[in-house]
Amino acid sequence: MVDDNKDFEIEVMPDRFEGVLSLDNGSAKAEIALGDAHWTLTRLVGEDTANKLLWEVTKFKKEVDKMRLEGVALGSTDLQPAVDSLYYDSGGNMKDPKTFGLDTERELRLAAHVVSSFVKEV
């Protein structure tokens, strides 16, 4: 839903992630099997947490697409670490695990690794 008075879109996290998400930053292309990642994460950390983790990936894709349209050079040739880094802050520290419904940084590290393991270069 777009508000004509604002420069941003209001988005709602889906109840379920399915299919394959394609990432293309101009230097590399990758696919993420969202359905498979969702299935695996749901069994490890529950559906709500799985949705929150994968929502970060879809927001990242939208940001990459937006930057490419604006002509911003995105130099990374490996998208797997880029996806893994979504769960870290700009200082290189893990984000607050509670944001995703997890209790410890260790759980978040494991979940981030699971998500990035579904990134396949194409």
PDB file of N, CA and C in Angstrom:
ATOM      1  N   MET A   1       0.848  -1.168   0.000  1.00  0.00           N
ATOM      2  CA  MET A   1       0.000   0.000   0.000  1.00  0.00           C
ATOM      3  C   MET A   1       0.895   1.232   0.000  1.00  0.00           C
ATOM      4  N   VAL A   2       0.638   2.142  -0.884  1.00  0.00           N
ATOM      5  CA  VAL A   2       1.448   3.343  -0.996  1.00  0.00           C
ATOM      6  C   VAL A   2       0.623   4.541  -0.555  1.00  0.00           C
ATOM      7  N   ASP A   3       1.195   5.343   0.311  1.00  0.00           N
ATOM      8  CA  ASP A   3       0.568   6.575   0.766  1.00  0.00           C
ATOM      9  C   ASP A   3       1.082   7.688  -0.141  1.00  0.00           C
ATOM     10  N   ASP A   4       0.200   8.342  -0.890  1.00  0.00           N
ATOM     11  CA  ASP A   4       0.609   9.373  -1.839  1.00  0.00           C
ATOM     12  C   ASP A   4       1.304  10.554  -1.181  1.00  0.00           C
ATOM     13  N   ASN A   5       1.125  10.738   0.106  1.00  0.00           N
ATOM     14  CA  ASN A   5       1.720  11.867   0.808  1.00  0.00           C
ATOM     15  C   ASN A   5       3.095  11.559   1.377  1.00  0.00           C
ATOM     16  N   LYS A   6       3.573  10.353   1.192  1.00  0.00           N
ATOM     17  CA  LYS A   6       4.849   9.945   1.779  1.00  0.00           C
ATOM     18  C   LYS A   6       5.757   9.392   0.689  1.00  0.00           C
ATOM     19  N   ASP A   7       7.057   9.345   0.950  1.00  0.00           N
ATOM     20  CA  ASP A   7       8.029   8.783   0.021  1.00  0.00           C
ATOM     21  C   ASP A   7       8.400   7.360   0.381  1.00  0.00           C
ATOM     22  N   PHE A   8       7.560   6.669   1.104  1.00  0.00           N
ATOM     23  CA  PHE A   8       7.878   5.303   1.483  1.00  0.00           C
ATOM     24  C   PHE A   8       6.632   4.438   1.354  1.00  0.00           C
ATOM     25  N   GLU A   9       6.887   3.140   1.276  1.00  0.00           N
ATOM     26  CA  GLU A   9       5.785   2.195   1.185  1.00  0.00           C
ATOM     27  C   GLU A   9       5.562   1.553   2.546  1.00  0.00           C
ATOM     28  N   ILE A  10       4.318   1.316   2.871  1.00  0.00           N
ATOM     29  CA  ILE A  10       3.980   0.582   4.083  1.00  0.00           C
ATOM     30  C   ILE A  10       3.861  -0.877   3.671  1.00  0.00           C
ATOM     31  N   GLU A  11       4.649  -1.716   4.284  1.00  0.00           N
ATOM     32  CA  GLU A  11       4.667  -3.113   3.902  1.00  0.00           C
ATOM     33  C   GLU A  11       4.311  -3.987   5.096  1.00  0.00           C
ATOM     34  N   VAL A  12       3.757  -5.124   4.790  1.00  0.00           N
ATOM     35  CA  VAL A  12       3.351  -6.073   5.817  1.00  0.00           C
ATOM     36  C   VAL A  12       4.088  -7.380   5.587  1.00  0.00           C
ATOM     37  N   MET A  13       4.656  -7.927   6.645  1.00  0.00           N
ATOM     38  CA  MET A  13       5.357  -9.195   6.551  1.00  0.00           C
ATOM     39  C   MET A  13       4.351 -10.293   6.218  1.00  0.00           C
ATOM     40  N   PRO A  14       4.663 -11.137   5.225  1.00  0.00           N
ATOM     41  CA  PRO A  14       3.735 -12.225   4.894  1.00  0.00           C
ATOM     42  C   PRO A  14       3.681 -13.279   5.997  1.00  0.00           C
ATOM     43  N   ASP A  15       2.624 -14.065   5.979  1.00  0.00           N
ATOM     44  CA  ASP A  15       2.474 -15.147   6.953  1.00  0.00           C
ATOM     45  C   ASP A  15       3.377 -16.326   6.630  1.00  0.00           C
ATOM     46  N   ARG A  16       3.787 -16.410   5.376  1.00  0.00           N
ATOM     47  CA  ARG A  16       4.570 -17.558   4.933  1.00  0.00           C
ATOM     48  C   ARG A  16       5.443 -17.137   3.756  1.00  0.00           C
ATOM     49  N   PHE A  17       6.618 -17.681   3.684  1.00  0.00           N
ATOM     50  CA  PHE A  17       7.531 -17.406   2.579  1.00  0.00           C
ATOM     51  C   PHE A  17       7.615 -18.642   1.701  1.00  0.00           C
ATOM     52  N   GLU A  18       7.479 -18.438   0.396  1.00  0.00           N
ATOM     53  CA  GLU A  18       7.512 -19.546  -0.551  1.00  0.00           C
ATOM     54  C   GLU A  18       8.324 -19.138  -1.773  1.00  0.00           C
ATOM     55  N   GLY A  19       8.681 -20.133  -2.568  1.00  0.00           N
ATOM     56  CA  GLY A  19       9.337 -19.870  -3.836  1.00  0.00           C
ATOM     57  C   GLY A  19      10.808 -19.538  -3.697  1.00  0.00           C
ATOM     58  N   VAL A  20      11.320 -18.938  -4.764  1.00  0.00           N
ATOM     59  CA  VAL A  20      12.736 -18.594  -4.842  1.00  0.00           C
ATOM     60  C   VAL A  20      12.862 -17.089  -5.022  1.00  0.00           C
ATOM     61  N   LEU A  21      13.753 -16.479  -4.271  1.00  0.00           N
ATOM     62  CA  LEU A  21      14.014 -15.050  -4.360  1.00  0.00           C
ATOM     63  C   LEU A  21      15.320 -14.861  -5.115  1.00  0.00           C
ATOM     64  N   SER A  22      15.303 -14.066  -6.175  1.00  0.00           N
ATOM     65  CA  SER A  22      16.512 -13.807  -6.957  1.00  0.00           C
ATOM     66  C   SER A  22      17.150 -12.504  -6.510  1.00  0.00           C
ATOM     67  N   LEU A  23      18.453 -12.555  -6.290  1.00  0.00           N
ATOM     68  CA  LEU A  23      19.231 -11.369  -5.929  1.00  0.00           C
ATOM     69  C   LEU A  23      20.217 -11.082  -7.049  1.00  0.00           C
ATOM     70  N   ASP A  24      20.336  -9.826  -7.434  1.00  0.00           N
ATOM     71  CA  ASP A  24      21.293  -9.424  -8.460  1.00  0.00           C
ATOM     72  C   ASP A  24      21.806  -8.043  -8.083  1.00  0.00           C
ATOM     73  N   ASN A  25      23.069  -7.980  -7.668  1.00  0.00           N
ATOM     74  CA  ASN A  25      23.623  -6.686  -7.268  1.00  0.00           C
ATOM     75  C   ASN A  25      24.487  -6.067  -8.360  1.00  0.00           C
ATOM     76  N   GLY A  26      24.443  -6.629  -9.556  1.00  0.00           N
ATOM     77  CA  GLY A  26      25.243  -6.113 -10.654  1.00  0.00           C
ATOM     78  C   GLY A  26      26.581  -6.803 -10.779  1.00  0.00           C
ATOM     79  N   SER A  27      27.116  -7.291  -9.688  1.00  0.00           N
ATOM     80  CA  SER A  27      28.388  -8.011  -9.684  1.00  0.00           C
ATOM     81  C   SER A  27      28.186  -9.508  -9.523  1.00  0.00           C
ATOM     82  N   ALA A  28      27.092  -9.882  -8.909  1.00  0.00           N
ATOM     83  CA  ALA A  28      26.821 -11.298  -8.647  1.00  0.00           C
ATOM     84  C   ALA A  28      25.318 -11.529  -8.668  1.00  0.00           C
ATOM     85  N   LYS A  29      24.965 -12.774  -8.957  1.00  0.00           N
ATOM     86  CA  LYS A  29      23.560 -13.177  -8.931  1.00  0.00           C
ATOM     87  C   LYS A  29      23.444 -14.403  -8.041  1.00  0.00           C
ATOM     88  N   ALA A  30      22.360 -14.441  -7.298  1.00  0.00           N
ATOM     89  CA  ALA A  30      22.120 -15.581  -6.412  1.00  0.00           C
ATOM     90  C   ALA A  30      20.624 -15.807  -6.293  1.00  0.00           C
ATOM     91  N   GLU A  31      20.286 -16.996  -5.875  1.00  0.00           N
ATOM     92  CA  GLU A  31      18.900 -17.336  -5.587  1.00  0.00           C
ATOM     93  C   GLU A  31      18.817 -17.868  -4.166  1.00  0.00           C
ATOM     94  N   ILE A  32      17.725 -17.540  -3.515  1.00  0.00           N
ATOM     95  CA  ILE A  32      17.484 -18.037  -2.164  1.00  0.00           C
ATOM     96  C   ILE A  32      16.167 -18.804  -2.198  1.00  0.00           C
ATOM     97  N   ALA A  33      16.235 -20.061  -1.850  1.00  0.00           N
ATOM     98  CA  ALA A  33      15.032 -20.896  -1.814  1.00  0.00           C
ATOM     99  C   ALA A  33      14.259 -20.565  -0.541  1.00  0.00           C
ATOM    100  N   LEU A  34      13.405 -19.550  -0.629  1.00  0.00           N
ATOM    101  CA  LEU A  34      12.674 -19.081   0.553  1.00  0.00           C
ATOM    102  C   LEU A  34      11.771 -20.157   1.136  1.00  0.00           C
ATOM    103  N   GLY A  35      11.126 -20.928   0.281  1.00  0.00           N
ATOM    104  CA  GLY A  35      10.238 -21.982   0.774  1.00  0.00           C
ATOM    105  C   GLY A  35      10.992 -23.019   1.585  1.00  0.00           C
ATOM    106  N   ASP A  36      12.149 -23.450   1.067  1.00  0.00           N
ATOM    107  CA  ASP A  36      12.966 -24.435   1.784  1.00  0.00           C
ATOM    108  C   ASP A  36      13.538 -23.848   3.069  1.00  0.00           C
ATOM    109  N   ALA A  37      13.993 -22.594   2.987  1.00  0.00           N
ATOM    110  CA  ALA A  37      14.537 -21.936   4.176  1.00  0.00           C
ATOM    111  C   ALA A  37      13.449 -21.787   5.235  1.00  0.00           C
ATOM    112  N   HIS A  38      12.253 -21.401   4.802  1.00  0.00           N
ATOM    113  CA  HIS A  38      11.135 -21.240   5.733  1.00  0.00           C
ATOM    114  C   HIS A  38      10.809 -22.571   6.405  1.00  0.00           C
ATOM    115  N   TRP A  39      10.756 -23.636   5.627  1.00  0.00           N
ATOM    116  CA  TRP A  39      10.445 -24.958   6.169  1.00  0.00           C
ATOM    117  C   TRP A  39      11.471 -25.352   7.232  1.00  0.00           C
ATOM    118  N   THR A  40      12.754 -25.185   6.910  1.00  0.00           N
ATOM    119  CA  THR A  40      13.824 -25.563   7.838  1.00  0.00           C
ATOM    120  C   THR A  40      13.800 -24.699   9.094  1.00  0.00           C
ATOM    121  N   LEU A  41      13.730 -23.389   8.910  1.00  0.00           N
ATOM    122  CA  LEU A  41      13.733 -22.484  10.059  1.00  0.00           C
ATOM    123  C   LEU A  41      12.517 -22.698  10.957  1.00  0.00           C
ATOM    124  N   THR A  42      11.365 -22.957  10.359  1.00  0.00           N
ATOM    125  CA  THR A  42      10.152 -23.180  11.153  1.00  0.00           C
ATOM    126  C   THR A  42      10.345 -24.347  12.108  1.00  0.00           C
ATOM    127  N   ARG A  43      11.013 -25.383  11.642  1.00  0.00           N
ATOM    128  CA  ARG A  43      11.250 -26.545  12.495  1.00  0.00           C
ATOM    129  C   ARG A  43      12.305 -26.276  13.566  1.00  0.00           C
ATOM    130  N   LEU A  44      13.222 -25.356  13.276  1.00  0.00           N
ATOM    131  CA  LEU A  44      14.277 -25.043  14.246  1.00  0.00           C
ATOM    132  C   LEU A  44      13.862 -23.994  15.273  1.00  0.00           C
ATOM    133  N   VAL A  45      13.204 -22.931  14.802  1.00  0.00           N
ATOM    134  CA  VAL A  45      12.955 -21.785  15.684  1.00  0.00           C
ATOM    135  C   VAL A  45      11.495 -21.345  15.742  1.00  0.00           C
ATOM    136  N   GLY A  46      10.614 -22.012  15.017  1.00  0.00           N
ATOM    137  CA  GLY A  46       9.204 -21.636  15.011  1.00  0.00           C
ATOM    138  C   GLY A  46       8.866 -20.719  13.845  1.00  0.00           C
ATOM    139  N   GLU A  47       7.592 -20.704  13.488  1.00  0.00           N
ATOM    140  CA  GLU A  47       7.171 -19.975  12.288  1.00  0.00           C
ATOM    141  C   GLU A  47       7.310 -18.463  12.417  1.00  0.00           C
ATOM    142  N   ASP A  48       6.953 -17.897  13.551  1.00  0.00           N
ATOM    143  CA  ASP A  48       7.039 -16.449  13.720  1.00  0.00           C
ATOM    144  C   ASP A  48       8.480 -15.965  13.569  1.00  0.00           C
ATOM    145  N   THR A  49       9.406 -16.658  14.198  1.00  0.00           N
ATOM    146  CA  THR A  49      10.817 -16.287  14.103  1.00  0.00           C
ATOM    147  C   THR A  49      11.333 -16.503  12.687  1.00  0.00           C
ATOM    148  N   ALA A  50      10.940 -17.601  12.058  1.00  0.00           N
ATOM    149  CA  ALA A  50      11.342 -17.857  10.667  1.00  0.00           C
ATOM    150  C   ALA A  50      10.882 -16.719   9.766  1.00  0.00           C
ATOM    151  N   ASN A  51       9.655 -16.272   9.954  1.00  0.00           N
ATOM    152  CA  ASN A  51       9.138 -15.166   9.149  1.00  0.00           C
ATOM    153  C   ASN A  51       9.945 -13.895   9.368  1.00  0.00           C
ATOM    154  N   LYS A  52      10.287 -13.597  10.601  1.00  0.00           N
ATOM    155  CA  LYS A  52      11.066 -12.390  10.898  1.00  0.00           C
ATOM    156  C   LYS A  52      12.451 -12.460  10.264  1.00  0.00           C
ATOM    157  N   LEU A  53      13.072 -13.624  10.323  1.00  0.00           N
ATOM    158  CA  LEU A  53      14.403 -13.790   9.739  1.00  0.00           C
ATOM    159  C   LEU A  53      14.363 -13.629   8.223  1.00  0.00           C
ATOM    160  N   LEU A  54      13.387 -14.222   7.579  1.00  0.00           N
ATOM    161  CA  LEU A  54      13.295 -14.143   6.124  1.00  0.00           C
ATOM    162  C   LEU A  54      12.788 -12.789   5.649  1.00  0.00           C
ATOM    163  N   TRP A  55      12.068 -12.096   6.494  1.00  0.00           N
ATOM    164  CA  TRP A  55      11.622 -10.742   6.166  1.00  0.00           C
ATOM    165  C   TRP A  55      12.835  -9.832   5.956  1.00  0.00           C
ATOM    166  N   GLU A  56      13.887 -10.036   6.741  1.00  0.00           N
ATOM    167  CA  GLU A  56      15.126  -9.268   6.564  1.00  0.00           C
ATOM    168  C   GLU A  56      15.702  -9.478   5.167  1.00  0.00           C
ATOM    169  N   VAL A  57      15.619 -10.698   4.673  1.00  0.00           N
ATOM    170  CA  VAL A  57      16.150 -11.014   3.347  1.00  0.00           C
ATOM    171  C   VAL A  57      15.343 -10.302   2.267  1.00  0.00           C
ATOM    172  N   THR A  58      14.028 -10.300   2.386  1.00  0.00           N
ATOM    173  CA  THR A  58      13.215  -9.640   1.369  1.00  0.00           C
ATOM    174  C   THR A  58      13.417  -8.124   1.401  1.00  0.00           C
ATOM    175  N   LYS A  59      13.615  -7.558   2.586  1.00  0.00           N
ATOM    176  CA  LYS A  59      13.907  -6.124   2.670  1.00  0.00           C
ATOM    177  C   LYS A  59      15.258  -5.826   2.025  1.00  0.00           C
ATOM    178  N   PHE A  60      16.233  -6.712   2.220  1.00  0.00           N
ATOM    179  CA  PHE A  60      17.553  -6.564   1.614  1.00  0.00           C
ATOM    180  C   PHE A  60      17.439  -6.582   0.090  1.00  0.00           C
ATOM    181  N   LYS A  61      16.664  -7.505  -0.448  1.00  0.00           N
ATOM    182  CA  LYS A  61      16.492  -7.583  -1.900  1.00  0.00           C
ATOM    183  C   LYS A  61      15.909  -6.279  -2.435  1.00  0.00           C
ATOM    184  N   LYS A  62      14.908  -5.744  -1.764  1.00  0.00           N
ATOM    185  CA  LYS A  62      14.296  -4.494  -2.209  1.00  0.00           C
ATOM    186  C   LYS A  62      15.311  -3.356  -2.182  1.00  0.00           C
ATOM    187  N   GLU A  63      16.158  -3.333  -1.171  1.00  0.00           N
ATOM    188  CA  GLU A  63      17.189  -2.295  -1.075  1.00  0.00           C
ATOM    189  C   GLU A  63      18.214  -2.446  -2.199  1.00  0.00           C
ATOM    190  N   VAL A  64      18.632  -3.675  -2.480  1.00  0.00           N
ATOM    191  CA  VAL A  64      19.583  -3.926  -3.571  1.00  0.00           C
ATOM    192  C   VAL A  64      18.974  -3.494  -4.901  1.00  0.00           C
ATOM    193  N   ASP A  65      17.724  -3.871  -5.140  1.00  0.00           N
ATOM    194  CA  ASP A  65      17.050  -3.492  -6.385  1.00  0.00           C
ATOM    195  C   ASP A  65      16.948  -1.977  -6.515  1.00  0.00           C
ATOM    196  N   LYS A  66      16.615  -1.315  -5.429  1.00  0.00           N
ATOM    197  CA  LYS A  66      16.489   0.146  -5.433  1.00  0.00           C
ATOM    198  C   LYS A  66      17.834   0.801  -5.743  1.00  0.00           C
ATOM    199  N   MET A  67      18.896   0.311  -5.125  1.00  0.00           N
ATOM    200  CA  MET A  67      20.222   0.885  -5.348  1.00  0.00           C
ATOM    201  C   MET A  67      20.677   0.668  -6.794  1.00  0.00           C
ATOM    202  N   ARG A  68      20.382  -0.490  -7.350  1.00  0.00           N
ATOM    203  CA  ARG A  68      20.740  -0.747  -8.754  1.00  0.00           C
ATOM    204  C   ARG A  68      20.007   0.210  -9.676  1.00  0.00           C
ATOM    205  N   LEU A  69      18.724   0.453  -9.415  1.00  0.00           N
ATOM    206  CA  LEU A  69      17.949   1.377 -10.235  1.00  0.00           C
ATOM    207  C   LEU A  69      18.500   2.796 -10.151  1.00  0.00           C
ATOM    208  N   GLU A  70      19.067   3.138  -8.999  1.00  0.00           N
ATOM    209  CA  GLU A  70      19.650   4.462  -8.806  1.00  0.00           C
ATOM    210  C   GLU A  70      21.067   4.546  -9.351  1.00  0.00           C
ATOM    211  N   GLY A  71      21.587   3.427  -9.852  1.00  0.00           N
ATOM    212  CA  GLY A  71      22.926   3.416 -10.430  1.00  0.00           C
ATOM    213  C   GLY A  71      24.047   3.314  -9.423  1.00  0.00           C
ATOM    214  N   VAL A  72      23.741   2.913  -8.206  1.00  0.00           N
ATOM    215  CA  VAL A  72      24.763   2.763  -7.173  1.00  0.00           C
ATOM    216  C   VAL A  72      25.529   1.471  -7.433  1.00  0.00           C
ATOM    217  N   ALA A  73      26.845   1.557  -7.453  1.00  0.00           N
ATOM    218  CA  ALA A  73      27.684   0.377  -7.682  1.00  0.00           C
ATOM    219  C   ALA A  73      27.724  -0.476  -6.424  1.00  0.00           C
ATOM    220  N   LEU A  74      27.388  -1.724  -6.588  1.00  0.00           N
ATOM    221  CA  LEU A  74      27.414  -2.676  -5.481  1.00  0.00           C
ATOM    222  C   LEU A  74      28.471  -3.712  -5.815  1.00  0.00           C
ATOM    223  N   GLY A  75      29.620  -3.637  -5.172  1.00  0.00           N
ATOM    224  CA  GLY A  75      30.773  -4.398  -5.600  1.00  0.00           C
ATOM    225  C   GLY A  75      30.922  -5.818  -5.116  1.00  0.00           C
ATOM    226  N   SER A  76      30.159  -6.271  -4.158  1.00  0.00           N
ATOM    227  CA  SER A  76      30.364  -7.611  -3.623  1.00  0.00           C
ATOM    228  C   SER A  76      30.091  -8.661  -4.688  1.00  0.00           C
ATOM    229  N   THR A  77      31.034  -9.591  -4.841  1.00  0.00           N
ATOM    230  CA  THR A  77      30.832 -10.669  -5.808  1.00  0.00           C
ATOM    231  C   THR A  77      30.344 -11.940  -5.129  1.00  0.00           C
ATOM    232  N   ASP A  78      30.111 -11.889  -3.846  1.00  0.00           N
ATOM    233  CA  ASP A  78      29.609 -13.051  -3.115  1.00  0.00           C
ATOM    234  C   ASP A  78      28.452 -12.595  -2.231  1.00  0.00           C
ATOM    235  N   LEU A  79      27.263 -13.028  -2.569  1.00  0.00           N
ATOM    236  CA  LEU A  79      26.078 -12.562  -1.852  1.00  0.00           C
ATOM    237  C   LEU A  79      25.788 -13.334  -0.576  1.00  0.00           C
ATOM    238  N   GLN A  80      26.390 -14.492  -0.401  1.00  0.00           N
ATOM    239  CA  GLN A  80      26.134 -15.281   0.808  1.00  0.00           C
ATOM    240  C   GLN A  80      26.564 -14.526   2.072  1.00  0.00           C
ATOM    241  N   PRO A  81      27.789 -13.970   2.126  1.00  0.00           N
ATOM    242  CA  PRO A  81      28.152 -13.185   3.320  1.00  0.00           C
ATOM    243  C   PRO A  81      27.284 -11.942   3.493  1.00  0.00           C
ATOM    244  N   ALA A  82      26.837 -11.368   2.385  1.00  0.00           N
ATOM    245  CA  ALA A  82      25.971 -10.191   2.475  1.00  0.00           C
ATOM    246  C   ALA A  82      24.658 -10.545   3.159  1.00  0.00           C
ATOM    247  N   VAL A  83      24.101 -11.701   2.824  1.00  0.00           N
ATOM    248  CA  VAL A  83      22.860 -12.140   3.468  1.00  0.00           C
ATOM    249  C   VAL A  83      23.128 -12.453   4.934  1.00  0.00           C
ATOM    250  N   ASP A  84      24.227 -13.116   5.215  1.00  0.00           N
ATOM    251  CA  ASP A  84      24.582 -13.438   6.601  1.00  0.00           C
ATOM    252  C   ASP A  84      24.726 -12.169   7.437  1.00  0.00           C
ATOM    253  N   SER A  85      25.258 -11.107   6.834  1.00  0.00           N
ATOM    254  CA  SER A  85      25.501  -9.865   7.575  1.00  0.00           C
ATOM    255  C   SER A  85      24.218  -9.105   7.902  1.00  0.00           C
ATOM    256  N   LEU A  86      23.093  -9.516   7.358  1.00  0.00           N
ATOM    257  CA  LEU A  86      21.824  -8.848   7.667  1.00  0.00           C
ATOM    258  C   LEU A  86      21.489  -8.905   9.147  1.00  0.00           C
ATOM    259  N   TYR A  87      22.057  -9.856   9.838  1.00  0.00           N
ATOM    260  CA  TYR A  87      21.733 -10.077  11.246  1.00  0.00           C
ATOM    261  C   TYR A  87      22.771  -9.453  12.181  1.00  0.00           C
ATOM    262  N   TYR A  88      23.618  -8.589  11.612  1.00  0.00           N
ATOM    263  CA  TYR A  88      24.628  -7.855  12.376  1.00  0.00           C
ATOM    264  C   TYR A  88      24.362  -6.370  12.223  1.00  0.00           C
ATOM    265  N   ASP A  89      24.755  -5.586  13.223  1.00  0.00           N
ATOM    266  CA  ASP A  89      24.605  -4.144  13.102  1.00  0.00           C
ATOM    267  C   ASP A  89      25.805  -3.578  12.350  1.00  0.00           C
ATOM    268  N   SER A  90      25.824  -2.274  12.145  1.00  0.00           N
ATOM    269  CA  SER A  90      26.899  -1.650  11.370  1.00  0.00           C
ATOM    270  C   SER A  90      28.255  -1.752  12.056  1.00  0.00           C
ATOM    271  N   GLY A  91      28.271  -2.018  13.341  1.00  0.00           N
ATOM    272  CA  GLY A  91      29.524  -2.176  14.069  1.00  0.00           C
ATOM    273  C   GLY A  91      30.055  -3.597  14.055  1.00  0.00           C
ATOM    274  N   GLY A  92      29.359  -4.502  13.384  1.00  0.00           N
ATOM    275  CA  GLY A  92      29.800  -5.888  13.298  1.00  0.00           C
ATOM    276  C   GLY A  92      29.330  -6.762  14.447  1.00  0.00           C
ATOM    277  N   ASN A  93      28.480  -6.223  15.305  1.00  0.00           N
ATOM    278  CA  ASN A  93      27.929  -7.002  16.422  1.00  0.00           C
ATOM    279  C   ASN A  93      26.580  -7.587  16.017  1.00  0.00           C
ATOM    280  N   MET A  94      26.243  -8.717  16.619  1.00  0.00           N
ATOM    281  CA  MET A  94      24.944  -9.323  16.341  1.00  0.00           C
ATOM    282  C   MET A  94      23.839  -8.350  16.748  1.00  0.00           C
ATOM    283  N   LYS A  95      22.780  -8.317  15.943  1.00  0.00           N
ATOM    284  CA  LYS A  95      21.605  -7.543  16.334  1.00  0.00           C
ATOM    285  C   LYS A  95      20.990  -8.207  17.556  1.00  0.00           C
ATOM    286  N   ASP A  96      20.083  -7.514  18.198  1.00  0.00           N
ATOM    287  CA  ASP A  96      19.416  -8.057  19.379  1.00  0.00           C
ATOM    288  C   ASP A  96      18.590  -9.278  18.977  1.00  0.00           C
ATOM    289  N   PRO A  97      18.923 -10.460  19.500  1.00  0.00           N
ATOM    290  CA  PRO A  97      18.190 -11.676  19.128  1.00  0.00           C
ATOM    291  C   PRO A  97      16.694 -11.592  19.432  1.00  0.00           C
ATOM    292  N   LYS A  98      16.336 -10.813  20.437  1.00  0.00           N
ATOM    293  CA  LYS A  98      14.927 -10.697  20.823  1.00  0.00           C
ATOM    294  C   LYS A  98      14.098 -10.061  19.696  1.00  0.00           C
ATOM    295  N   THR A  99      14.744  -9.263  18.846  1.00  0.00           N
ATOM    296  CA  THR A  99      14.076  -8.673  17.692  1.00  0.00           C
ATOM    297  C   THR A  99      13.464  -9.748  16.810  1.00  0.00           C
ATOM    298  N   PHE A 100      14.112 -10.891  16.770  1.00  0.00           N
ATOM    299  CA  PHE A 100      13.670 -11.987  15.912  1.00  0.00           C
ATOM    300  C   PHE A 100      12.942 -13.080  16.695  1.00  0.00           C
ATOM    301  N   GLY A 101      12.775 -12.883  17.986  1.00  0.00           N
ATOM    302  CA  GLY A 101      12.092 -13.877  18.806  1.00  0.00           C
ATOM    303  C   GLY A 101      13.018 -14.948  19.350  1.00  0.00           C
ATOM    304  N   LEU A 102      14.309 -14.653  19.386  1.00  0.00           N
ATOM    305  CA  LEU A 102      15.299 -15.600  19.905  1.00  0.00           C
ATOM    306  C   LEU A 102      15.844 -15.092  21.229  1.00  0.00           C
ATOM    307  N   ASP A 103      16.455 -15.989  21.996  1.00  0.00           N
ATOM    308  CA  ASP A 103      16.950 -15.613  23.319  1.00  0.00           C
ATOM    309  C   ASP A 103      18.426 -15.232  23.344  1.00  0.00           C
ATOM    310  N   THR A 104      19.246 -15.870  22.517  1.00  0.00           N
ATOM    311  CA  THR A 104      20.692 -15.652  22.609  1.00  0.00           C
ATOM    312  C   THR A 104      21.295 -15.321  21.250  1.00  0.00           C
ATOM    313  N   GLU A 105      22.473 -14.697  21.288  1.00  0.00           N
ATOM    314  CA  GLU A 105      23.211 -14.424  20.058  1.00  0.00           C
ATOM    315  C   GLU A 105      23.599 -15.724  19.368  1.00  0.00           C
ATOM    316  N   ARG A 106      23.860 -16.734  20.149  1.00  0.00           N
ATOM    317  CA  ARG A 106      24.218 -18.035  19.573  1.00  0.00           C
ATOM    318  C   ARG A 106      23.076 -18.579  18.706  1.00  0.00           C
ATOM    319  N   GLU A 107      21.847 -18.457  19.204  1.00  0.00           N
ATOM    320  CA  GLU A 107      20.689 -18.891  18.411  1.00  0.00           C
ATOM    321  C   GLU A 107      20.566 -18.067  17.132  1.00  0.00           C
ATOM    322  N   LEU A 108      20.809 -16.765  17.245  1.00  0.00           N
ATOM    323  CA  LEU A 108      20.723 -15.900  16.071  1.00  0.00           C
ATOM    324  C   LEU A 108      21.821 -16.234  15.067  1.00  0.00           C
ATOM    325  N   ARG A 109      23.036 -16.506  15.555  1.00  0.00           N
ATOM    326  CA  ARG A 109      24.130 -16.900  14.654  1.00  0.00           C
ATOM    327  C   ARG A 109      23.772 -18.168  13.891  1.00  0.00           C
ATOM    328  N   LEU A 110      23.213 -19.145  14.598  1.00  0.00           N
ATOM    329  CA  LEU A 110      22.806 -20.395  13.962  1.00  0.00           C
ATOM    330  C   LEU A 110      21.726 -20.131  12.911  1.00  0.00           C
ATOM    331  N   ALA A 111      20.728 -19.356  13.272  1.00  0.00           N
ATOM    332  CA  ALA A 111      19.643 -19.056  12.338  1.00  0.00           C
ATOM    333  C   ALA A 111      20.167 -18.298  11.116  1.00  0.00           C
ATOM    334  N   ALA A 112      21.068 -17.337  11.332  1.00  0.00           N
ATOM    335  CA  ALA A 112      21.662 -16.590  10.214  1.00  0.00           C
ATOM    336  C   ALA A 112      22.434 -17.525   9.296  1.00  0.00           C
ATOM    337  N   HIS A 113      23.148 -18.468   9.883  1.00  0.00           N
ATOM    338  CA  HIS A 113      23.893 -19.442   9.083  1.00  0.00           C
ATOM    339  C   HIS A 113      22.935 -20.310   8.264  1.00  0.00           C
ATOM    340  N   VAL A 114      21.836 -20.710   8.861  1.00  0.00           N
ATOM    341  CA  VAL A 114      20.844 -21.513   8.137  1.00  0.00           C
ATOM    342  C   VAL A 114      20.301 -20.720   6.952  1.00  0.00           C
ATOM    343  N   VAL A 115      19.946 -19.460   7.178  1.00  0.00           N
ATOM    344  CA  VAL A 115      19.424 -18.628   6.089  1.00  0.00           C
ATOM    345  C   VAL A 115      20.460 -18.506   4.979  1.00  0.00           C
ATOM    346  N   SER A 116      21.697 -18.150   5.330  1.00  0.00           N
ATOM    347  CA  SER A 116      22.717 -17.946   4.292  1.00  0.00           C
ATOM    348  C   SER A 116      23.081 -19.246   3.585  1.00  0.00           C
ATOM    349  N   SER A 117      22.842 -20.389   4.220  1.00  0.00           N
ATOM    350  CA  SER A 117      23.136 -21.666   3.563  1.00  0.00           C
ATOM    351  C   SER A 117      22.194 -21.930   2.390  1.00  0.00           C
ATOM    352  N   PHE A 118      21.086 -21.226   2.329  1.00  0.00           N
ATOM    353  CA  PHE A 118      20.153 -21.382   1.215  1.00  0.00           C
ATOM    354  C   PHE A 118      20.449 -20.417   0.069  1.00  0.00           C
ATOM    355  N   VAL A 119      21.496 -19.613   0.189  1.00  0.00           N
ATOM    356  CA  VAL A 119      21.906 -18.706  -0.888  1.00  0.00           C
ATOM    357  C   VAL A 119      22.787 -19.488  -1.853  1.00  0.00           C
ATOM    358  N   LYS A 120      22.359 -19.565  -3.088  1.00  0.00           N
ATOM    359  CA  LYS A 120      23.113 -20.286  -4.116  1.00  0.00           C
ATOM    360  C   LYS A 120      23.453 -19.330  -5.252  1.00  0.00           C
ATOM    361  N   GLU A 121      24.744 -19.191  -5.535  1.00  0.00           N
ATOM    362  CA  GLU A 121      25.182 -18.344  -6.648  1.00  0.00           C
ATOM    363  C   GLU A 121      24.697 -18.955  -7.964  1.00  0.00           C
ATOM    364  N   VAL A 122      24.261 -18.097  -8.885  1.00  0.00           N
ATOM    365  CA  VAL A 122      23.822 -18.579 -10.207  1.00  0.00           C
ATOM    366  C   VAL A 122      24.601 -17.896 -11.313  1.00  0.00           C
TER     367      VAL A 122
END
